[in-house]
């Protein structure tokens, strides 16, 4: 099933710790975002971490599975869109939107 990506302000490629964290920030800032994850479920490398996670800001977890559950609970509370089994073939800037980089005055 294809999703109309033009309805989102931000498209996040990858549903690991970084992608889910980005989605949380977008939700908190009122920015409509979607996470595109190539696997059947989000989590990335967190699924293979079996040791305590003690160095992620504001979260300590007994292992990757515990950490992932905490992230997904927060994502669910914010009703963030996550599309799994997605393959991103290319990223192309839309003519109707512009990108800026730090320091360019915009």
C-alpha atoms as a PDB file:
ATOM      1  CA  UNK A   1       0.000   0.000   0.000  1.00  0.00           C
ATOM      2  CA  UNK A   2       1.397   3.380  -1.005  1.00  0.00           C
ATOM      3  CA  UNK A   3       1.098   6.339   1.310  1.00  0.00           C
ATOM      4  CA  UNK A   4       0.703   9.874   0.013  1.00  0.00           C
ATOM      5  CA  UNK A   5       3.891  11.316   1.459  1.00  0.00           C
ATOM      6  CA  UNK A   6       2.971  14.860   0.439  1.00  0.00           C
ATOM      7  CA  UNK A   7       0.730  15.105   3.510  1.00  0.00           C
ATOM      8  CA  UNK A   8       3.793  14.995   5.799  1.00  0.00           C
ATOM      9  CA  UNK A   9       6.213  17.780   6.690  1.00  0.00           C
ATOM     10  CA  UNK A  10       9.032  15.337   7.481  1.00  0.00           C
ATOM     11  CA  UNK A  11       9.839  11.874   6.153  1.00  0.00           C
ATOM     12  CA  UNK A  12      12.128   9.910   8.470  1.00  0.00           C
ATOM     13  CA  UNK A  13      13.965   7.036   6.815  1.00  0.00           C
ATOM     14  CA  UNK A  14      14.674   4.292   9.342  1.00  0.00           C
ATOM     15  CA  UNK A  15      12.838   3.223  12.483  1.00  0.00           C
ATOM     16  CA  UNK A  16      15.774   2.614  14.795  1.00  0.00           C
ATOM     17  CA  UNK A  17      16.567   4.633  17.915  1.00  0.00           C
ATOM     18  CA  UNK A  18      17.505   7.754  15.950  1.00  0.00           C
ATOM     19  CA  UNK A  19      14.480   7.629  13.641  1.00  0.00           C
ATOM     20  CA  UNK A  20      12.033   7.041  16.485  1.00  0.00           C
ATOM     21  CA  UNK A  21      13.644   9.828  18.510  1.00  0.00           C
ATOM     22  CA  UNK A  22      13.317  12.181  15.528  1.00  0.00           C
ATOM     23  CA  UNK A  23       9.654  11.226  15.220  1.00  0.00           C
ATOM     24  CA  UNK A  24       9.098  12.043  18.906  1.00  0.00           C
ATOM     25  CA  UNK A  25      10.687  15.467  18.490  1.00  0.00           C
ATOM     26  CA  UNK A  26       8.568  16.173  15.427  1.00  0.00           C
ATOM     27  CA  UNK A  27       5.412  15.222  17.311  1.00  0.00           C
ATOM     28  CA  UNK A  28       6.362  17.411  20.276  1.00  0.00           C
ATOM     29  CA  UNK A  29       6.988  20.346  17.927  1.00  0.00           C
ATOM     30  CA  UNK A  30       3.707  19.867  16.041  1.00  0.00           C
ATOM     31  CA  UNK A  31       5.447  18.747  12.849  1.00  0.00           C
ATOM     32  CA  UNK A  32       3.610  16.014  10.913  1.00  0.00           C
ATOM     33  CA  UNK A  33       6.089  13.195  10.291  1.00  0.00           C
ATOM     34  CA  UNK A  34       6.132   9.623   9.071  1.00  0.00           C
ATOM     35  CA  UNK A  35       8.754   6.957   9.756  1.00  0.00           C
ATOM     36  CA  UNK A  36       9.569   4.614   6.867  1.00  0.00           C
ATOM     37  CA  UNK A  37      11.139   1.368   8.102  1.00  0.00           C
ATOM     38  CA  UNK A  38      12.403  -1.353   5.737  1.00  0.00           C
ATOM     39  CA  UNK A  39      11.876  -4.208   8.216  1.00  0.00           C
ATOM     40  CA  UNK A  40       8.574  -5.670   9.354  1.00  0.00           C
ATOM     41  CA  UNK A  41       8.889  -3.859  12.691  1.00  0.00           C
ATOM     42  CA  UNK A  42      10.724  -0.755  13.912  1.00  0.00           C
ATOM     43  CA  UNK A  43      13.680  -1.026  16.249  1.00  0.00           C
ATOM     44  CA  UNK A  44      16.785  -1.386  14.133  1.00  0.00           C
ATOM     45  CA  UNK A  45      19.814  -2.601  16.080  1.00  0.00           C
ATOM     46  CA  UNK A  46      17.967  -2.276  19.390  1.00  0.00           C
ATOM     47  CA  UNK A  47      16.579  -5.753  18.744  1.00  0.00           C
ATOM     48  CA  UNK A  48      20.075  -7.247  19.110  1.00  0.00           C
ATOM     49  CA  UNK A  49      21.341  -5.363  22.180  1.00  0.00           C
ATOM     50  CA  UNK A  50      21.288  -7.653  25.205  1.00  0.00           C
ATOM     51  CA  UNK A  51      23.275  -5.489  27.624  1.00  0.00           C
ATOM     52  CA  UNK A  52      22.076  -2.515  29.683  1.00  0.00           C
ATOM     53  CA  UNK A  53      21.697   0.822  27.898  1.00  0.00           C
ATOM     54  CA  UNK A  54      22.947   3.463  30.301  1.00  0.00           C
ATOM     55  CA  UNK A  55      24.119   6.278  28.035  1.00  0.00           C
ATOM     56  CA  UNK A  56      20.990   7.459  26.208  1.00  0.00           C
ATOM     57  CA  UNK A  57      19.735  10.815  27.537  1.00  0.00           C
ATOM     58  CA  UNK A  58      16.985  10.453  30.151  1.00  0.00           C
ATOM     59  CA  UNK A  59      16.496   6.715  29.616  1.00  0.00           C
ATOM     60  CA  UNK A  60      18.172   3.727  31.213  1.00  0.00           C
ATOM     61  CA  UNK A  61      17.068   0.314  30.015  1.00  0.00           C
ATOM     62  CA  UNK A  62      17.999  -3.243  30.890  1.00  0.00           C
ATOM     63  CA  UNK A  63      18.535  -4.113  27.210  1.00  0.00           C
ATOM     64  CA  UNK A  64      17.575  -3.125  23.665  1.00  0.00           C
ATOM     65  CA  UNK A  65      14.159  -4.766  23.857  1.00  0.00           C
ATOM     66  CA  UNK A  66      13.293  -2.775  26.996  1.00  0.00           C
ATOM     67  CA  UNK A  67      14.595   0.448  25.426  1.00  0.00           C
ATOM     68  CA  UNK A  68      12.617  -0.174  22.232  1.00  0.00           C
ATOM     69  CA  UNK A  69       9.426  -0.790  24.227  1.00  0.00           C
ATOM     70  CA  UNK A  70       9.876   2.545  26.006  1.00  0.00           C
ATOM     71  CA  UNK A  71      10.424   4.375  22.708  1.00  0.00           C
ATOM     72  CA  UNK A  72       7.453   2.705  21.022  1.00  0.00           C
ATOM     73  CA  UNK A  73       5.222   3.516  24.008  1.00  0.00           C
ATOM     74  CA  UNK A  74       6.112   7.191  23.625  1.00  0.00           C
ATOM     75  CA  UNK A  75       5.597   7.054  19.846  1.00  0.00           C
ATOM     76  CA  UNK A  76       2.179   5.429  20.309  1.00  0.00           C
ATOM     77  CA  UNK A  77       1.088   8.144  22.770  1.00  0.00           C
ATOM     78  CA  UNK A  78       1.793  10.731  20.084  1.00  0.00           C
ATOM     79  CA  UNK A  79       0.026   8.801  17.302  1.00  0.00           C
ATOM     80  CA  UNK A  80       3.096   8.960  15.056  1.00  0.00           C
ATOM     81  CA  UNK A  81       2.799   7.287  11.656  1.00  0.00           C
ATOM     82  CA  UNK A  82       5.184   4.359  11.103  1.00  0.00           C
ATOM     83  CA  UNK A  83       5.125   2.464   7.828  1.00  0.00           C
ATOM     84  CA  UNK A  84       7.019  -0.829   7.902  1.00  0.00           C
ATOM     85  CA  UNK A  85       8.258  -3.010   5.039  1.00  0.00           C
ATOM     86  CA  UNK A  86       9.052   0.183   3.124  1.00  0.00           C
ATOM     87  CA  UNK A  87      11.849   0.612   0.633  1.00  0.00           C
ATOM     88  CA  UNK A  88      13.081   4.110  -0.146  1.00  0.00           C
ATOM     89  CA  UNK A  89      14.377   4.163  -3.702  1.00  0.00           C
ATOM     90  CA  UNK A  90      15.326   7.846  -3.861  1.00  0.00           C
ATOM     91  CA  UNK A  91      14.940  11.088  -1.992  1.00  0.00           C
ATOM     92  CA  UNK A  92      14.128  14.042  -4.206  1.00  0.00           C
ATOM     93  CA  UNK A  93      13.421  17.578  -3.070  1.00  0.00           C
ATOM     94  CA  UNK A  94       9.976  18.769  -4.022  1.00  0.00           C
ATOM     95  CA  UNK A  95       9.854  21.970  -6.105  1.00  0.00           C
ATOM     96  CA  UNK A  96       7.181  23.305  -3.725  1.00  0.00           C
ATOM     97  CA  UNK A  97       9.438  22.899  -0.689  1.00  0.00           C
ATOM     98  CA  UNK A  98      12.882  24.200  -0.030  1.00  0.00           C
ATOM     99  CA  UNK A  99      15.714  23.032   2.188  1.00  0.00           C
ATOM    100  CA  UNK A 100      18.076  25.266   4.061  1.00  0.00           C
ATOM    101  CA  UNK A 101      21.331  24.633   5.815  1.00  0.00           C
ATOM    102  CA  UNK A 102      22.613  26.222   9.006  1.00  0.00           C
ATOM    103  CA  UNK A 103      24.243  29.576   8.490  1.00  0.00           C
ATOM    104  CA  UNK A 104      22.574  30.477   5.186  1.00  0.00           C
ATOM    105  CA  UNK A 105      20.403  33.144   6.806  1.00  0.00           C
ATOM    106  CA  UNK A 106      17.082  31.328   6.462  1.00  0.00           C
END
